[in-house]
Amino acid sequence: MNKAQSGSTARRRRLNELLRVIGIETEDTTELTALSDRAQEIGRDGLFVALRGDRTDGRQWADAVRSRGGYVLSDQPGERTIVHPDPRAVYPLLLQAYYDYPALKLTMIGVTGTNGKSTVTQLLYDMLSGAGRRCCLIGTGRIVIGDEIRFSPNTTPDPLTLTRLLDEAVRRGIDTVIMEVSSQALAMHRVDGLLFDLAVLTNLKQDHLDYHKTLKAYQRAKFMLFEKLKEKGTAILNQDDPVTQRWLGQLHRPVFTYGRDSVNFRIHPVAETLDSITFDLNGHRVEAPLAGAFNMRNLTAALACGFALDIPWAAMLEFAHHAALPEGRMEIVCRQPVLAVVDYAHTASALEAMLKHWRKVADGRHTRLSVVFGCGGDREADKRPLMGRIACAYADQVVLCDDNPRTEDPDRILAQIAAGCDGSQKIIRDRAEAIKFVLDGAQTDDIIVVAGKGGETSLIQDTAKTCPNDRLLIERYFG
């Protein structure tokens, strides 16, 4: 067995029995030594899956694999090659079989939606861990397993990384996996072969149309998660989102809804302060130190999951009292001499919900609200002027700066955001300088929000460049 698979529960499956999983019959009974889309991991009698991507084409490594005595799964014929028209679609199915179906040995919770995925998964991780479950968290920027925190470049890992992680979770005695499931991951088959006990929808707004092209295709990708529920699995949907009404008639599994109009978990707002929410839920008073009315829904989504998993209400209400948001989500960095906040909001709907909260707080304090933000490059351009318009509608001061321009012209991105502004905005490309500019001009008790990157520690222009995150920049300013 390869070093990369050492200690795993991967079975030494024979080629014929593994291929039978995807409907291919062969008389070759060779015992496989590895299964991977990484050519360097494949030696004699290993199976290499040649995937074509936007930047690389795995088929270029096929000959090298064959020269080492390995097999190739590809959409092109060749020696020692199994031909399939769509290797990407069947690869996750092969991985699950090769690693003896680790997901079936775990309680699997998948959370999807435009906004709120990281918050809901973090709340779930904390609540279920506190209730005695051994949990693994897979989400934006990080993976938490046991006492380890690992960097993750994708919201939802690639199939090989994900399957090996689930296999590791089983070996380490983890019983529950809580994961963010992105629309791209669903469309790209990354979670095919997995079955979920709970599937959660936070909300569904316009996003990622650069990839999905149409809102209908984006919604269809999100719905795919709910088609992956186990036979006794439960869907948990935001009743306040219009898409829920359409989906209810299409689901063939038990459904819980939550929201202000829900019949299952109805939210009755009671009070909201700068950094706390209070609401009634199914006869219970819920109090939590979370900022923003929208976090009533995020917290309720987590509580609905807890209810489905038989967590007692008393334990869930106690958890709510000390619930915490993930780093970089409505995070108050300092309270004096100004109130400085960092937030991950990078969609139009998230930016509006977040600024609406801080506008209300600023009006109550009779202070100014400033926002510093930008938009990512090589991503949906249509949202840029809309985000500029939203920022100017809620904030007294708007400063535009870089936010992961990637391969796109940064000046062009900022000009597109500015096209939606009212002319009062200021453009300072350097993010650190933009933050310093706003802090230099702030008056006592002003509210300053830095949006878009949350806890991220790099700004991507062509290649990732590590730099202090927004929170550290603010902390350093105040010494």
Protein backbone atom coordinates (compact mmCIF):
# COMPACT_ATOMS: atom_id res chain seq x y z
CA MET A 1 0.00 0.00 0.00
CA ASN A 2 1.25 3.51 -0.84
CA LYS A 3 2.63 5.71 1.91
CA ALA A 4 -0.21 8.16 1.21
CA GLN A 5 -2.70 5.50 2.26
CA SER A 6 -0.77 4.08 5.19
CA GLY A 7 -3.02 3.45 8.18
CA SER A 8 -6.22 3.85 6.19
CA THR A 9 -9.04 1.34 6.02
CA ALA A 10 -8.76 1.16 2.22
CA ARG A 11 -9.31 -2.43 1.15
CA ARG A 12 -7.04 -4.16 -1.32
CA ARG A 13 -9.90 -4.41 -3.77
CA ARG A 14 -9.64 -6.31 -7.00
CA LEU A 15 -10.01 -4.31 -10.18
CA ASN A 16 -13.06 -6.22 -11.39
CA GLU A 17 -15.05 -5.76 -8.16
CA LEU A 18 -14.22 -2.05 -7.94
CA LEU A 19 -15.21 -1.36 -11.54
CA ARG A 20 -18.47 -3.21 -11.00
CA VAL A 21 -19.48 -0.30 -8.73
CA ILE A 22 -19.67 1.94 -11.81
CA GLY A 23 -21.20 -0.67 -14.10
CA ILE A 24 -18.06 -1.84 -15.89
CA GLU A 25 -17.34 -5.56 -16.17
CA THR A 26 -13.84 -6.96 -16.63
CA GLU A 27 -12.17 -10.31 -16.09
CA ASP A 28 -9.04 -8.63 -14.68
CA THR A 29 -8.84 -9.63 -11.00
CA THR A 30 -5.64 -7.72 -10.19
CA GLU A 31 -5.50 -6.58 -6.58
CA LEU A 32 -5.21 -2.79 -6.66
CA THR A 33 -2.50 -1.08 -4.63
CA ALA A 34 -3.84 2.48 -4.83
CA LEU A 35 -6.63 4.68 -6.20
CA SER A 36 -5.94 8.35 -6.86
CA ASP A 37 -6.16 11.24 -9.33
CA ARG A 38 -2.63 12.21 -8.29
CA ALA A 39 -0.30 10.45 -10.69
CA GLN A 40 2.67 10.57 -8.32
CA GLU A 41 0.81 8.27 -5.91
CA ILE A 42 0.32 5.52 -8.46
CA GLY A 43 2.79 2.67 -8.83
CA ARG A 44 2.42 -0.90 -10.07
CA ASP A 45 -1.19 -2.09 -10.08
CA GLY A 46 -2.55 1.23 -8.85
CA LEU A 47 -5.50 2.91 -10.59
CA PHE A 48 -5.03 6.49 -11.78
CA VAL A 49 -8.15 8.52 -12.56
CA ALA A 50 -7.31 11.06 -15.26
CA LEU A 51 -9.40 14.17 -14.61
CA ARG A 52 -9.62 17.18 -16.89
CA GLY A 53 -9.80 20.54 -15.12
CA ASP A 54 -9.76 24.22 -16.02
CA ARG A 55 -6.00 24.50 -15.53
CA THR A 56 -4.62 20.97 -15.86
CA ASP A 57 -5.42 17.82 -17.79
CA GLY A 58 -4.70 14.61 -15.89
CA ARG A 59 -4.52 12.67 -19.13
CA GLN A 60 -1.04 14.08 -19.73
CA TRP A 61 0.25 11.81 -16.94
CA ALA A 62 -1.37 8.63 -18.26
CA ASP A 63 1.72 7.34 -20.09
CA ALA A 64 3.92 7.87 -17.02
CA VAL A 65 1.47 5.85 -14.92
CA ARG A 66 1.37 3.05 -17.49
CA SER A 67 5.18 2.96 -17.60
CA ARG A 68 5.16 2.19 -13.87
CA GLY A 69 2.70 -0.65 -14.34
CA GLY A 70 -0.41 1.25 -13.25
CA TYR A 71 -3.91 1.33 -14.69
CA VAL A 72 -5.66 4.44 -16.03
CA LEU A 73 -9.34 5.42 -15.94
CA SER A 74 -9.85 7.95 -18.72
CA ASP A 75 -12.24 9.13 -21.41
CA GLN A 76 -9.53 8.25 -23.96
CA PRO A 77 -8.52 4.67 -24.88
CA GLY A 78 -5.04 3.31 -24.36
CA GLU A 79 -3.00 0.44 -22.99
CA ARG A 80 -4.01 -0.65 -19.45
CA THR A 81 -6.86 1.86 -19.68
CA ILE A 82 -10.46 1.61 -18.55
CA VAL A 83 -12.55 3.94 -20.69
CA HIS A 84 -15.43 5.90 -19.18
CA PRO A 85 -17.09 8.98 -20.74
CA ASP A 86 -17.06 10.93 -17.46
CA PRO A 87 -14.29 9.90 -15.02
CA ARG A 88 -15.04 12.86 -12.73
CA ALA A 89 -18.61 11.68 -12.15
CA VAL A 90 -17.67 8.14 -11.15
CA TYR A 91 -14.44 8.87 -9.27
CA PRO A 92 -16.15 9.65 -5.91
CA LEU A 93 -18.15 6.42 -6.18
CA LEU A 94 -14.95 4.43 -6.67
CA LEU A 95 -13.30 6.18 -3.72
CA GLN A 96 -16.18 5.41 -1.37
CA ALA A 97 -16.04 1.74 -2.33
CA TYR A 98 -12.24 1.58 -2.14
CA TYR A 99 -12.25 3.05 1.37
CA ASP A 100 -15.12 0.79 2.46
CA TYR A 101 -17.81 3.50 2.57
CA PRO A 102 -16.67 5.58 5.57
CA ALA A 103 -19.58 8.05 5.26
CA LEU A 104 -22.05 5.28 6.07
CA LYS A 105 -20.31 4.82 9.44
CA LEU A 106 -20.77 8.48 10.40
CA THR A 107 -23.62 10.86 11.12
CA MET A 108 -23.31 13.19 8.14
CA ILE A 109 -24.64 16.76 8.25
CA GLY A 110 -24.41 18.90 5.12
CA VAL A 111 -25.12 22.64 5.11
CA THR A 112 -25.61 24.58 1.89
CA GLY A 113 -26.82 28.07 0.99
CA THR A 114 -25.54 31.40 -0.29
CA ASN A 115 -24.83 32.95 3.11
CA GLY A 116 -24.48 31.56 6.63
CA LYS A 117 -22.93 28.15 5.94
CA SER A 118 -19.83 28.76 8.06
CA THR A 119 -21.85 30.18 10.93
CA VAL A 120 -24.33 27.30 11.01
CA THR A 121 -21.64 24.63 10.78
CA GLN A 122 -19.58 26.28 13.55
CA LEU A 123 -22.63 26.56 15.80
CA LEU A 124 -23.45 22.91 15.12
CA TYR A 125 -19.89 21.80 15.80
CA ASP A 126 -19.80 23.63 19.14
CA MET A 127 -23.27 22.50 20.21
CA LEU A 128 -22.85 18.83 19.29
CA SER A 129 -19.34 18.67 20.74
CA GLY A 130 -20.71 20.11 23.97
CA ALA A 131 -23.40 17.42 23.94
CA GLY A 132 -20.75 14.69 23.93
CA ARG A 133 -20.45 13.90 20.24
CA ARG A 134 -17.03 13.56 18.64
CA CYS A 135 -17.20 15.88 15.67
CA CYS A 136 -15.27 16.79 12.56
CA LEU A 137 -15.87 20.19 10.94
CA ILE A 138 -15.23 20.73 7.22
CA GLY A 139 -15.70 24.27 6.00
CA THR A 140 -14.44 27.46 4.42
CA GLY A 141 -10.72 27.77 5.02
CA ARG A 142 -10.33 25.04 7.59
CA ILE A 143 -10.91 21.50 8.74
CA VAL A 144 -11.20 20.63 12.43
CA ILE A 145 -10.66 17.00 13.40
CA GLY A 146 -9.84 16.02 16.95
CA ASP A 147 -7.50 18.67 18.35
CA GLU A 148 -6.14 19.57 14.91
CA ILE A 149 -7.02 22.54 12.74
CA ARG A 150 -5.94 22.21 9.12
CA PHE A 151 -6.04 24.71 6.27
CA SER A 152 -8.50 23.92 3.50
CA PRO A 153 -8.27 25.77 0.16
CA ASN A 154 -11.86 24.93 -0.79
CA THR A 155 -15.19 25.20 1.01
CA THR A 156 -15.76 21.53 0.13
CA PRO A 157 -12.60 19.44 -0.44
CA ASP A 158 -11.87 17.47 -3.60
CA PRO A 159 -13.17 13.86 -3.58
CA LEU A 160 -9.85 12.23 -2.67
CA THR A 161 -9.12 14.61 0.21
CA LEU A 162 -12.70 14.33 1.44
CA THR A 163 -12.86 10.53 1.31
CA ARG A 164 -9.52 10.14 3.06
CA LEU A 165 -10.67 12.61 5.70
CA LEU A 166 -13.86 10.63 6.32
CA ASP A 167 -11.80 7.45 6.51
CA GLU A 168 -9.50 9.12 9.05
CA ALA A 169 -12.52 10.30 11.03
CA VAL A 170 -13.78 6.73 11.34
CA ARG A 171 -10.37 5.48 12.46
CA ARG A 172 -10.10 8.23 15.08
CA GLY A 173 -13.47 7.50 16.62
CA ILE A 174 -15.29 10.53 15.21
CA ASP A 175 -19.04 9.94 15.07
CA THR A 176 -20.37 13.12 13.42
CA VAL A 177 -19.18 15.10 10.41
CA ILE A 178 -20.51 18.62 9.84
CA MET A 179 -19.62 20.06 6.47
CA GLU A 180 -20.30 23.01 4.22
CA VAL A 181 -21.39 21.84 0.79
CA SER A 182 -20.92 24.40 -1.96
CA SER A 183 -22.87 24.58 -5.20
CA GLN A 184 -19.67 24.07 -7.20
CA ALA A 185 -18.84 20.95 -5.19
CA LEU A 186 -22.28 19.54 -5.93
CA ALA A 187 -22.07 20.37 -9.64
CA MET A 188 -18.55 18.92 -9.87
CA HIS A 189 -19.56 15.62 -8.21
CA ARG A 190 -17.26 16.12 -5.20
CA VAL A 191 -19.82 14.70 -2.77
CA ASP A 192 -21.31 12.04 -5.04
CA GLY A 193 -21.42 8.71 -3.25
CA LEU A 194 -22.09 10.37 0.13
CA LEU A 195 -25.40 10.08 1.93
CA PHE A 196 -26.44 12.60 4.58
CA ASP A 197 -28.48 12.26 7.75
CA LEU A 198 -29.32 15.97 7.78
CA ALA A 199 -29.23 18.50 4.95
CA VAL A 200 -29.67 22.20 5.76
CA LEU A 201 -30.53 25.17 3.53
CA THR A 202 -29.61 28.55 5.00
CA ASN A 203 -30.87 30.74 2.14
CA LEU A 204 -30.57 31.02 -1.60
CA LYS A 205 -29.67 34.34 -3.21
CA GLN A 206 -28.03 35.17 -6.53
CA ASP A 207 -24.38 34.09 -6.48
CA HIS A 208 -21.75 32.16 -8.45
CA LEU A 209 -23.44 32.87 -11.78
CA ASP A 210 -19.97 33.15 -13.29
CA TYR A 211 -19.85 29.37 -12.82
CA HIS A 212 -23.50 28.26 -13.01
CA LYS A 213 -24.53 30.86 -15.65
CA THR A 214 -28.19 30.98 -14.56
CA LEU A 215 -30.00 31.27 -11.24
CA LYS A 216 -31.99 28.16 -12.14
CA ALA A 217 -28.80 26.13 -12.57
CA TYR A 218 -27.46 27.49 -9.27
CA GLN A 219 -30.65 26.49 -7.47
CA ARG A 220 -30.58 23.08 -9.13
CA ALA A 221 -27.03 22.50 -7.89
CA LYS A 222 -28.03 23.38 -4.33
CA PHE A 223 -31.02 21.02 -4.48
CA MET A 224 -28.70 18.12 -5.29
CA LEU A 225 -27.65 17.98 -1.63
CA PHE A 226 -31.20 17.09 -0.61
CA GLU A 227 -31.25 14.26 -3.14
CA LYS A 228 -28.36 12.73 -1.18
CA LEU A 229 -30.30 12.25 2.06
CA LYS A 230 -30.33 8.80 3.60
CA GLU A 231 -33.62 6.92 3.59
CA LYS A 232 -34.36 8.19 7.10
CA GLY A 233 -32.59 11.51 6.59
CA THR A 234 -34.20 14.90 7.24
CA ALA A 235 -34.17 18.15 5.25
CA ILE A 236 -34.05 21.39 7.25
CA LEU A 237 -35.14 24.38 5.18
CA ASN A 238 -35.39 28.13 5.71
CA GLN A 239 -39.13 28.78 5.41
CA ASP A 240 -38.50 32.50 4.85
CA ASP A 241 -36.64 31.82 1.60
CA PRO A 242 -38.92 31.66 -1.48
CA VAL A 243 -37.15 28.58 -2.87
CA THR A 244 -38.38 26.48 0.06
CA GLN A 245 -41.97 26.59 -1.17
CA ARG A 246 -40.90 25.15 -4.52
CA TRP A 247 -38.69 22.51 -2.97
CA LEU A 248 -41.21 21.19 -0.45
CA GLY A 249 -43.19 19.44 -3.15
CA GLN A 250 -40.06 17.86 -4.62
CA LEU A 251 -38.63 16.33 -1.47
CA HIS A 252 -39.38 12.73 -0.56
CA ARG A 253 -37.86 12.80 2.91
CA PRO A 254 -39.03 14.26 6.24
CA VAL A 255 -38.72 18.06 6.35
CA PHE A 256 -38.35 20.55 9.19
CA THR A 257 -38.69 24.23 8.34
CA TYR A 258 -37.53 27.20 10.38
CA GLY A 259 -38.14 30.94 10.16
CA ARG A 260 -40.68 33.59 11.01
CA ASP A 261 -43.40 31.82 9.03
CA SER A 262 -42.45 28.24 9.88
CA VAL A 263 -44.85 25.71 11.36
CA ASN A 264 -41.96 23.69 12.85
CA PHE A 265 -39.48 26.19 14.31
CA ARG A 266 -41.15 29.60 14.28
CA ILE A 267 -38.95 32.55 15.23
CA HIS A 268 -40.58 35.37 17.21
CA PRO A 269 -37.99 38.18 17.59
CA VAL A 270 -37.97 39.77 21.04
CA ALA A 271 -34.89 41.99 21.24
CA GLU A 272 -31.69 42.81 19.39
CA THR A 273 -28.71 44.75 20.69
CA LEU A 274 -25.29 45.58 19.34
CA ASP A 275 -24.04 42.04 19.96
CA SER A 276 -26.94 39.93 21.20
CA ILE A 277 -30.25 38.50 20.04
CA THR A 278 -33.31 37.31 21.94
CA PHE A 279 -36.21 35.45 20.40
CA ASP A 280 -38.93 32.95 21.25
CA LEU A 281 -38.83 29.55 19.59
CA ASN A 282 -41.44 26.84 20.12
CA GLY A 283 -42.26 28.08 23.61
CA HIS A 284 -38.62 28.59 24.59
CA ARG A 285 -36.83 31.90 25.16
CA VAL A 286 -33.54 31.85 23.26
CA GLU A 287 -30.83 34.33 24.23
CA ALA A 288 -27.48 34.39 22.46
CA PRO A 289 -24.46 36.75 22.30
CA LEU A 290 -24.62 36.97 18.50
CA ALA A 291 -24.84 40.16 16.43
CA GLY A 292 -27.45 40.60 13.71
CA ALA A 293 -31.09 39.59 13.35
CA PHE A 294 -30.12 37.19 10.54
CA ASN A 295 -28.27 35.11 13.13
CA MET A 296 -31.63 34.24 14.66
CA ARG A 297 -32.16 32.09 11.59
CA ASN A 298 -28.62 30.70 11.62
CA LEU A 299 -28.89 29.72 15.27
CA THR A 300 -32.36 28.24 14.74
CA ALA A 301 -31.06 26.11 11.87
CA ALA A 302 -28.48 24.66 14.27
CA LEU A 303 -31.10 24.13 16.99
CA ALA A 304 -33.39 22.36 14.51
CA CYS A 305 -30.53 19.98 13.72
CA GLY A 306 -30.00 19.41 17.43
CA PHE A 307 -33.68 18.61 17.85
CA ALA A 308 -33.51 16.12 14.96
CA LEU A 309 -30.55 14.47 16.72
CA ASP A 310 -32.41 14.27 20.05
CA ILE A 311 -30.36 16.91 21.87
CA PRO A 312 -32.47 18.07 24.87
CA TRP A 313 -33.88 21.59 24.71
CA ALA A 314 -32.28 22.45 28.05
CA ALA A 315 -28.84 21.64 26.67
CA MET A 316 -29.47 23.59 23.47
CA LEU A 317 -30.71 26.68 25.31
CA GLU A 318 -27.69 26.57 27.61
CA PHE A 319 -25.45 26.34 24.56
CA ALA A 320 -27.16 29.37 23.00
CA HIS A 321 -26.22 31.47 26.04
CA HIS A 322 -22.52 31.22 25.15
CA ALA A 323 -22.70 30.55 21.41
CA ALA A 324 -19.92 32.11 19.34
CA LEU A 325 -19.55 33.00 15.68
CA PRO A 326 -16.61 31.83 13.57
CA GLU A 327 -13.60 34.09 13.27
CA GLY A 328 -14.26 36.95 10.88
CA ARG A 329 -18.04 36.73 11.03
CA MET A 330 -19.55 39.88 12.60
CA GLU A 331 -16.41 39.93 14.72
CA ILE A 332 -16.03 42.98 16.96
CA VAL A 333 -12.30 43.68 17.06
CA CYS A 334 -12.43 46.69 19.37
CA ARG A 335 -15.08 48.79 21.10
CA GLN A 336 -13.13 51.92 22.00
CA PRO A 337 -12.28 54.51 20.84
CA VAL A 338 -14.24 53.24 17.83
CA LEU A 339 -16.32 50.15 17.24
CA ALA A 340 -14.40 48.17 14.60
CA VAL A 341 -15.87 45.06 12.99
CA VAL A 342 -14.64 42.55 10.42
CA ASP A 343 -17.03 40.39 8.45
CA TYR A 344 -16.84 37.88 5.61
CA ALA A 345 -19.78 39.39 3.68
CA HIS A 346 -18.81 39.15 0.02
CA THR A 347 -22.20 38.79 -1.65
CA ALA A 348 -24.72 41.57 -2.19
CA SER A 349 -27.30 39.97 0.11
CA ALA A 350 -24.78 39.34 2.90
CA LEU A 351 -23.38 42.87 2.65
CA GLU A 352 -26.86 44.37 2.89
CA ALA A 353 -27.92 42.23 5.86
CA MET A 354 -24.72 43.06 7.72
CA LEU A 355 -24.77 46.81 6.98
CA LYS A 356 -28.46 47.02 7.83
CA HIS A 357 -27.62 45.81 11.34
CA TRP A 358 -24.75 48.25 11.85
CA ARG A 359 -26.77 51.14 10.38
CA LYS A 360 -29.40 50.51 13.04
CA VAL A 361 -26.72 50.43 15.75
CA ALA A 362 -25.08 53.62 14.43
CA ASP A 363 -28.41 55.46 14.38
CA GLY A 364 -29.05 54.40 17.96
CA ARG A 365 -25.62 55.67 19.02
CA HIS A 366 -25.85 58.82 16.85
CA THR A 367 -22.52 57.97 15.22
CA ARG A 368 -21.17 57.51 11.70
CA LEU A 369 -20.89 54.19 9.87
CA SER A 370 -17.95 53.55 7.53
CA VAL A 371 -17.38 50.48 5.38
CA VAL A 372 -14.21 49.26 3.66
CA PHE A 373 -14.62 46.52 1.05
CA GLY A 374 -13.89 45.29 -2.46
CA CYS A 375 -14.92 42.44 -4.76
CA GLY A 376 -13.01 39.36 -5.83
CA GLY A 377 -11.65 39.03 -9.35
CA ASP A 378 -12.50 36.29 -11.84
CA ARG A 379 -15.87 36.03 -10.14
CA GLU A 380 -19.39 37.27 -10.85
CA ALA A 381 -18.98 40.85 -12.09
CA ASP A 382 -22.70 41.71 -12.17
CA LYS A 383 -22.86 41.99 -8.38
CA ARG A 384 -20.18 44.70 -8.17
CA PRO A 385 -22.27 47.83 -8.92
CA LEU A 386 -25.08 46.40 -6.78
CA MET A 387 -22.71 46.05 -3.83
CA GLY A 388 -21.52 49.62 -4.39
CA ARG A 389 -25.12 50.83 -4.35
CA ILE A 390 -25.87 48.90 -1.15
CA ALA A 391 -22.77 50.25 0.60
CA CYS A 392 -23.65 53.86 -0.22
CA ALA A 393 -27.26 53.34 0.85
CA TYR A 394 -26.30 52.27 4.37
CA ALA A 395 -22.88 53.76 5.17
CA ASP A 396 -21.86 57.37 5.71
CA GLN A 397 -18.41 56.66 4.28
CA VAL A 398 -17.48 54.06 1.66
CA VAL A 399 -13.86 53.18 0.87
CA LEU A 400 -13.20 50.68 -1.92
CA CYS A 401 -10.06 48.54 -1.91
CA ASP A 402 -8.62 45.31 -3.30
CA ASP A 403 -10.13 41.95 -2.35
CA ASN A 404 -8.50 39.00 -4.14
CA PRO A 405 -8.32 40.50 -7.67
CA ARG A 406 -6.73 37.25 -8.87
CA THR A 407 -5.94 37.56 -12.60
CA GLU A 408 -8.34 40.45 -13.24
CA ASP A 409 -7.35 44.13 -13.46
CA PRO A 410 -7.88 45.53 -9.92
CA ASP A 411 -8.67 49.02 -11.20
CA ARG A 412 -11.40 47.62 -13.44
CA ILE A 413 -12.99 45.78 -10.51
CA LEU A 414 -13.05 48.91 -8.35
CA ALA A 415 -14.44 51.00 -11.21
CA GLN A 416 -17.31 48.53 -11.61
CA ILE A 417 -18.14 48.75 -7.90
CA ALA A 418 -17.91 52.55 -8.05
CA ALA A 419 -20.39 52.59 -10.94
CA GLY A 420 -23.10 51.69 -8.42
CA CYS A 421 -22.01 54.28 -5.84
CA ASP A 422 -23.29 57.83 -5.45
CA GLY A 423 -19.95 59.53 -6.11
CA SER A 424 -18.99 59.98 -2.46
CA GLN A 425 -16.87 56.82 -2.35
CA LYS A 426 -13.09 56.87 -2.09
CA ILE A 427 -10.83 54.33 -3.79
CA ILE A 428 -7.62 53.20 -2.07
CA ARG A 429 -6.42 49.99 -3.68
CA ASP A 430 -4.06 48.89 -0.90
CA ARG A 431 -6.29 47.20 1.67
CA ALA A 432 -4.07 48.03 4.66
CA GLU A 433 -3.89 51.68 3.59
CA ALA A 434 -7.66 51.82 3.11
CA ILE A 435 -8.24 50.54 6.64
CA LYS A 436 -5.70 53.00 8.04
CA PHE A 437 -7.33 55.88 6.15
CA VAL A 438 -10.72 55.19 7.73
CA LEU A 439 -9.27 54.70 11.21
CA ASP A 440 -7.23 57.92 10.92
CA GLY A 441 -10.35 59.92 10.14
CA ALA A 442 -12.67 58.23 12.62
CA GLN A 443 -14.33 60.08 15.46
CA THR A 444 -14.97 58.61 18.90
CA ASP A 445 -17.68 55.91 18.86
CA ASP A 446 -17.79 55.71 15.05
CA ILE A 447 -18.56 52.26 13.64
CA ILE A 448 -16.09 50.91 11.08
CA VAL A 449 -16.83 47.72 9.18
CA VAL A 450 -14.21 45.96 7.06
CA ALA A 451 -16.01 43.46 4.85
CA GLY A 452 -15.25 40.70 2.37
CA LYS A 453 -12.37 38.67 3.77
CA GLY A 454 -13.26 37.84 7.36
CA GLY A 455 -10.46 35.75 8.81
CA GLU A 456 -8.60 35.17 5.53
CA THR A 457 -4.86 35.78 5.73
CA SER A 458 -3.95 36.19 2.07
CA LEU A 459 -4.83 38.53 -0.75
CA ILE A 460 -4.75 36.77 -4.11
CA GLN A 461 -3.36 38.65 -7.08
CA ASP A 462 -2.13 36.19 -9.70
CA THR A 463 -0.83 34.01 -6.84
CA ALA A 464 -1.66 34.00 -3.15
CA LYS A 465 0.34 36.52 -1.14
CA THR A 466 0.24 36.15 2.62
CA CYS A 467 -0.57 39.35 4.49
CA PRO A 468 -2.04 40.22 7.90
CA ASN A 469 -5.77 39.70 8.04
CA ASP A 470 -8.21 42.55 8.60
CA ARG A 471 -8.50 41.91 12.33
CA LEU A 472 -4.72 42.04 12.82
CA LEU A 473 -4.46 45.26 10.81
CA ILE A 474 -6.98 46.91 13.14
CA GLU A 475 -5.34 45.52 16.28
CA ARG A 476 -1.92 46.74 15.16
CA TYR A 477 -3.30 50.21 14.47
CA PHE A 478 -4.39 50.52 18.09
CA GLY A 479 -1.12 49.06 19.35
